[in-house]
Amino acid sequence: MKELVEVIAKALVDHPDEVVVTEKEDSRRTVIELHVAQEDMGKVIGKQGRIAKAIRTVVKACANGDNSRVDVDIV
């Protein structure tokens, strides 16, 4: 999942070298944190959060096959 978020984010931003994706796991879920440059934040979030919602939807669809819960946080 981490690689998927990283590939999507790098395709969206102007500074792909500043994209950092971390993955944290606990007993019930996995949290993927996406860090981008400040000036690229709007490109990752999109108007009214549409791009961020689309990223979360794709990740959750992939996680459904694994029967795991995955959350994506844009930091």
C-alpha atoms as a PDB file:
ATOM      1  CA  MET A   1       0.000   0.000   0.000  1.00  0.00           C
ATOM      2  CA  LYS A   2       2.834   2.358   0.856  1.00  0.00           C
ATOM      3  CA  GLU A   3       4.293   2.088  -2.634  1.00  0.00           C
ATOM      4  CA  LEU A   4       0.907   2.715  -4.239  1.00  0.00           C
ATOM      5  CA  VAL A   5       0.424   5.976  -2.333  1.00  0.00           C
ATOM      6  CA  GLU A   6       3.971   7.037  -3.149  1.00  0.00           C
ATOM      7  CA  VAL A   7       3.545   6.456  -6.899  1.00  0.00           C
ATOM      8  CA  ILE A   8       0.236   8.340  -6.991  1.00  0.00           C
ATOM      9  CA  ALA A   9       1.592  11.276  -4.968  1.00  0.00           C
ATOM     10  CA  LYS A  10       4.778  11.613  -7.023  1.00  0.00           C
ATOM     11  CA  ALA A  11       2.707  11.785 -10.196  1.00  0.00           C
ATOM     12  CA  LEU A  12       0.668  14.693  -8.800  1.00  0.00           C
ATOM     13  CA  VAL A  13       3.274  17.007  -7.291  1.00  0.00           C
ATOM     14  CA  ASP A  14       5.906  19.403  -8.669  1.00  0.00           C
ATOM     15  CA  HIS A  15       8.554  18.239  -6.171  1.00  0.00           C
ATOM     16  CA  PRO A  16       8.447  14.421  -6.239  1.00  0.00           C
ATOM     17  CA  ASP A  17      11.754  14.159  -4.365  1.00  0.00           C
ATOM     18  CA  GLU A  18      10.069  15.655  -1.267  1.00  0.00           C
ATOM     19  CA  VAL A  19       7.321  13.017  -1.107  1.00  0.00           C
ATOM     20  CA  VAL A  20       7.692  10.853   1.995  1.00  0.00           C
ATOM     21  CA  VAL A  21       5.314   8.023   2.819  1.00  0.00           C
ATOM     22  CA  THR A  22       5.401   6.251   6.179  1.00  0.00           C
ATOM     23  CA  GLU A  23       3.388   3.264   7.285  1.00  0.00           C
ATOM     24  CA  LYS A  24       2.375   2.593  10.883  1.00  0.00           C
ATOM     25  CA  GLU A  25       0.625  -0.561  11.997  1.00  0.00           C
ATOM     26  CA  ASP A  26      -1.276  -1.347  15.149  1.00  0.00           C
ATOM     27  CA  SER A  27      -3.520  -4.246  16.056  1.00  0.00           C
ATOM     28  CA  ARG A  28      -6.614  -3.125  14.142  1.00  0.00           C
ATOM     29  CA  ARG A  29      -5.466  -0.966  11.246  1.00  0.00           C
ATOM     30  CA  THR A  30      -2.648   0.431   9.181  1.00  0.00           C
ATOM     31  CA  VAL A  31      -2.094   4.186   8.906  1.00  0.00           C
ATOM     32  CA  ILE A  32      -0.271   5.534   5.868  1.00  0.00           C
ATOM     33  CA  GLU A  33       1.028   9.071   6.313  1.00  0.00           C
ATOM     34  CA  LEU A  34       1.785  11.140   3.223  1.00  0.00           C
ATOM     35  CA  HIS A  35       4.174  14.077   3.584  1.00  0.00           C
ATOM     36  CA  VAL A  36       4.610  16.496   0.662  1.00  0.00           C
ATOM     37  CA  ALA A  37       6.150  19.937   0.177  1.00  0.00           C
ATOM     38  CA  GLN A  38       4.004  22.798   1.453  1.00  0.00           C
ATOM     39  CA  GLU A  39       3.442  24.228  -2.037  1.00  0.00           C
ATOM     40  CA  ASP A  40       2.269  20.806  -3.292  1.00  0.00           C
ATOM     41  CA  MET A  41      -0.312  20.319  -0.554  1.00  0.00           C
ATOM     42  CA  GLY A  42      -3.138  21.766  -2.656  1.00  0.00           C
ATOM     43  CA  LYS A  43      -2.355  19.443  -5.549  1.00  0.00           C
ATOM     44  CA  VAL A  44      -2.590  16.378  -3.341  1.00  0.00           C
ATOM     45  CA  ILE A  45      -5.767  17.504  -1.599  1.00  0.00           C
ATOM     46  CA  GLY A  46      -7.540  18.957  -4.643  1.00  0.00           C
ATOM     47  CA  LYS A  47     -10.622  21.132  -4.811  1.00  0.00           C
ATOM     48  CA  GLN A  48     -12.960  20.256  -1.958  1.00  0.00           C
ATOM     49  CA  GLY A  49     -10.715  17.299  -1.123  1.00  0.00           C
ATOM     50  CA  ARG A  50     -11.591  15.331  -4.236  1.00  0.00           C
ATOM     51  CA  ILE A  51      -8.087  14.076  -5.017  1.00  0.00           C
ATOM     52  CA  ALA A  52      -7.440  13.104  -1.397  1.00  0.00           C
ATOM     53  CA  LYS A  53     -10.735  11.231  -1.336  1.00  0.00           C
ATOM     54  CA  ALA A  54      -9.834   9.446  -4.580  1.00  0.00           C
ATOM     55  CA  ILE A  55      -6.459   8.367  -3.156  1.00  0.00           C
ATOM     56  CA  ARG A  56      -8.177   7.017  -0.042  1.00  0.00           C
ATOM     57  CA  THR A  57     -10.752   5.183  -2.155  1.00  0.00           C
ATOM     58  CA  VAL A  58      -8.087   3.453  -4.262  1.00  0.00           C
ATOM     59  CA  VAL A  59      -6.103   2.411  -1.185  1.00  0.00           C
ATOM     60  CA  LYS A  60      -9.190   1.098   0.618  1.00  0.00           C
ATOM     61  CA  ALA A  61     -10.220  -0.850  -2.475  1.00  0.00           C
ATOM     62  CA  CYS A  62      -6.802  -2.532  -2.542  1.00  0.00           C
ATOM     63  CA  ALA A  63      -6.960  -3.205   1.186  1.00  0.00           C
ATOM     64  CA  ASN A  64     -10.378  -4.845   0.874  1.00  0.00           C
ATOM     65  CA  GLY A  65      -8.778  -7.773  -0.915  1.00  0.00           C
ATOM     66  CA  ASP A  66      -6.459  -8.276   2.065  1.00  0.00           C
ATOM     67  CA  ASN A  67      -9.305  -7.953   4.618  1.00  0.00           C
ATOM     68  CA  SER A  68      -7.392  -5.202   6.385  1.00  0.00           C
ATOM     69  CA  ARG A  69      -8.260  -1.636   7.324  1.00  0.00           C
ATOM     70  CA  VAL A  70      -6.055   1.105   5.918  1.00  0.00           C
ATOM     71  CA  ASP A  71      -6.311   4.856   6.570  1.00  0.00           C
ATOM     72  CA  VAL A  72      -4.437   7.521   4.586  1.00  0.00           C
ATOM     73  CA  ASP A  73      -3.453  10.743   6.372  1.00  0.00           C
ATOM     74  CA  ILE A  74      -2.061  13.705   4.467  1.00  0.00           C
ATOM     75  CA  VAL A  75       0.301  15.558   6.789  1.00  0.00           C
END
